[in-house]
C-alpha atoms as a PDB file:
ATOM      1  CA  MET A   1       1.337 -17.028   0.937  1.00  0.00           C
ATOM      2  CA  GLN A   2       0.709 -13.350   0.225  1.00  0.00           C
ATOM      3  CA  ARG A   3      -2.892 -14.429  -1.077  1.00  0.00           C
ATOM      4  CA  VAL A   4      -3.575 -16.644   1.863  1.00  0.00           C
ATOM      5  CA  ALA A   5      -2.095 -13.632   4.360  1.00  0.00           C
ATOM      6  CA  ILE A   6      -4.935 -11.343   2.675  1.00  0.00           C
ATOM      7  CA  ALA A   7      -7.908 -13.929   2.652  1.00  0.00           C
ATOM      8  CA  ARG A   8      -6.895 -14.106   6.298  1.00  0.00           C
ATOM      9  CA  ALA A   9      -6.863 -10.338   6.371  1.00  0.00           C
ATOM     10  CA  LEU A  10     -10.759 -10.202   5.398  1.00  0.00           C
ATOM     11  CA  ILE A  11     -12.297 -13.121   6.061  1.00  0.00           C
ATOM     12  CA  MET A  12     -13.568 -11.096   9.259  1.00  0.00           C
ATOM     13  CA  ASP A  13     -14.705  -8.381   6.928  1.00  0.00           C
ATOM     14  CA  PRO A  14     -12.897  -5.520   8.320  1.00  0.00           C
ATOM     15  CA  ALA A  15     -13.960  -2.022   7.124  1.00  0.00           C
ATOM     16  CA  LEU A  16      -9.584  -1.334   7.110  1.00  0.00           C
ATOM     17  CA  VAL A  17      -7.169  -3.703   5.946  1.00  0.00           C
ATOM     18  CA  LEU A  18      -3.545  -2.981   7.044  1.00  0.00           C
ATOM     19  CA  ALA A  19      -1.124  -3.730   4.476  1.00  0.00           C
ATOM     20  CA  ASP A  20       2.504  -3.678   5.126  1.00  0.00           C
ATOM     21  CA  GLU A  21       4.204  -4.322   2.155  1.00  0.00           C
ATOM     22  CA  PRO A  22       2.144  -7.045   0.904  1.00  0.00           C
ATOM     23  CA  THR A  23       4.238  -7.429  -2.612  1.00  0.00           C
ATOM     24  CA  GLY A  24       7.755  -6.469  -0.237  1.00  0.00           C
ATOM     25  CA  SER A  25       8.934 -10.510  -1.053  1.00  0.00           C
ATOM     26  CA  LEU A  26       7.019 -11.174  -4.527  1.00  0.00           C
ATOM     27  CA  ASP A  27       8.420 -11.205  -8.067  1.00  0.00           C
ATOM     28  CA  SER A  28       7.318  -8.794 -10.238  1.00  0.00           C
ATOM     29  CA  LYS A  29       4.691 -10.568 -11.930  1.00  0.00           C
ATOM     30  CA  THR A  30       2.943 -11.816  -8.267  1.00  0.00           C
ATOM     31  CA  GLY A  31       3.956  -8.256  -6.747  1.00  0.00           C
ATOM     32  CA  ALA A  32       1.374  -6.949 -10.021  1.00  0.00           C
ATOM     33  CA  GLU A  33      -1.266 -10.432  -8.950  1.00  0.00           C
ATOM     34  CA  ILE A  34      -1.276  -9.229  -5.511  1.00  0.00           C
ATOM     35  CA  PHE A  35      -1.456  -4.961  -6.137  1.00  0.00           C
ATOM     36  CA  HIS A  36      -4.269  -5.298  -8.831  1.00  0.00           C
ATOM     37  CA  LEU A  37      -6.280  -7.939  -6.158  1.00  0.00           C
ATOM     38  CA  LEU A  38      -6.447  -5.090  -3.808  1.00  0.00           C
ATOM     39  CA  GLN A  39      -7.238  -3.001  -6.173  1.00  0.00           C
ATOM     40  CA  GLU A  40     -10.256  -4.696  -7.534  1.00  0.00           C
ATOM     41  CA  LEU A  41     -11.406  -4.671  -4.236  1.00  0.00           C
ATOM     42  CA  ASN A  42     -11.180  -1.015  -3.234  1.00  0.00           C
ATOM     43  CA  LYS A  43     -13.310  -0.839  -5.759  1.00  0.00           C
ATOM     44  CA  LYS A  44     -15.888  -2.957  -4.491  1.00  0.00           C
ATOM     45  CA  GLY A  45     -15.523  -0.835  -1.048  1.00  0.00           C
ATOM     46  CA  ARG A  46     -13.054  -2.312   0.386  1.00  0.00           C
ATOM     47  CA  THR A  47     -10.664   0.489   2.591  1.00  0.00           C
ATOM     48  CA  PHE A  48      -6.899  -0.883   2.356  1.00  0.00           C
ATOM     49  CA  LEU A  49      -4.037   1.336   4.044  1.00  0.00           C
ATOM     50  CA  ILE A  50      -0.907   0.336   2.392  1.00  0.00           C
ATOM     51  CA  VAL A  51       2.502   0.687   3.474  1.00  0.00           C
ATOM     52  CA  THR A  52       5.339   0.662   0.603  1.00  0.00           C
ATOM     53  CA  HIS A  53       8.848   1.826  -0.577  1.00  0.00           C
ATOM     54  CA  ASP A  54       7.609   0.382  -3.582  1.00  0.00           C
ATOM     55  CA  PRO A  55       7.124   3.495  -6.295  1.00  0.00           C
ATOM     56  CA  ARG A  56       5.245   2.195  -8.483  1.00  0.00           C
ATOM     57  CA  ILE A  57       2.453   1.237  -5.813  1.00  0.00           C
ATOM     58  CA  THR A  58       2.220   4.849  -4.706  1.00  0.00           C
ATOM     59  CA  LYS A  59       1.882   5.934  -8.307  1.00  0.00           C
ATOM     60  CA  ALA A  60      -1.216   3.507  -8.596  1.00  0.00           C
ATOM     61  CA  THR A  61      -2.993   4.875  -5.735  1.00  0.00           C
ATOM     62  CA  LYS A  62      -5.454   7.230  -4.751  1.00  0.00           C
ATOM     63  CA  ARG A  63      -3.712   8.758  -2.299  1.00  0.00           C
ATOM     64  CA  THR A  64      -0.594   8.885  -1.536  1.00  0.00           C
ATOM     65  CA  ILE A  65       0.334   9.904   2.156  1.00  0.00           C
ATOM     66  CA  TYR A  66       4.454  10.106   3.105  1.00  0.00           C
ATOM     67  CA  LEU A  67       5.615   9.656   6.731  1.00  0.00           C
ATOM     68  CA  ILE A  68       9.093  11.671   7.094  1.00  0.00           C
ATOM     69  CA  ASP A  69      10.937  12.319   9.948  1.00  0.00           C
ATOM     70  CA  GLY A  70       7.723  11.323  11.902  1.00  0.00           C
ATOM     71  CA  LYS A  71       5.776  13.604  10.130  1.00  0.00           C
ATOM     72  CA  ILE A  72       2.868  13.257   8.193  1.00  0.00           C
ATOM     73  CA  SER A  73       3.381  15.041   4.806  1.00  0.00           C
ATOM     74  CA  ASN A  74       1.229  14.892   0.953  1.00  0.00           C
ATOM     75  CA  ASN A  75       3.791  16.138  -0.917  1.00  0.00           C
ATOM     76  CA  PRO A  76       7.357  15.077   0.199  1.00  0.00           C
ATOM     77  CA  THR A  77       9.435  17.424  -1.967  1.00  0.00           C
ATOM     78  CA  VAL A  78       8.278  20.377  -0.515  1.00  0.00           C
ATOM     79  CA  ASP A  79       8.787  18.823   3.279  1.00  0.00           C
ATOM     80  CA  LEU A  80      12.154  16.949   2.923  1.00  0.00           C
ATOM     81  CA  ASN A  81      14.347  19.396   3.331  1.00  0.00           C
ATOM     82  CA  ILE A  82      17.732  18.202   2.519  1.00  0.00           C
ATOM     83  CA  ALA A  83      21.467  19.772   4.166  1.00  0.00           C
ATOM     84  CA  PHE A  84      24.571  18.645   2.212  1.00  0.00           C
END
């Protein structure tokens, strides 16, 4: 179903594809295949904005932007003030 959703998202040749947890409901192997497909499409010029909680995906992307308490951050360890 994820591959079908990606195909539908790409059929109109959009400049930007929004992907909300594209590997979230998949087993590890299938998730890796989907992510590698997105990487290949990115190399061919497709732009993706991926929303994820998966640290493996964030490590493999060209740029990571964090949203912390409604604020955009490039470095969550600096901007996240946790008081216990």
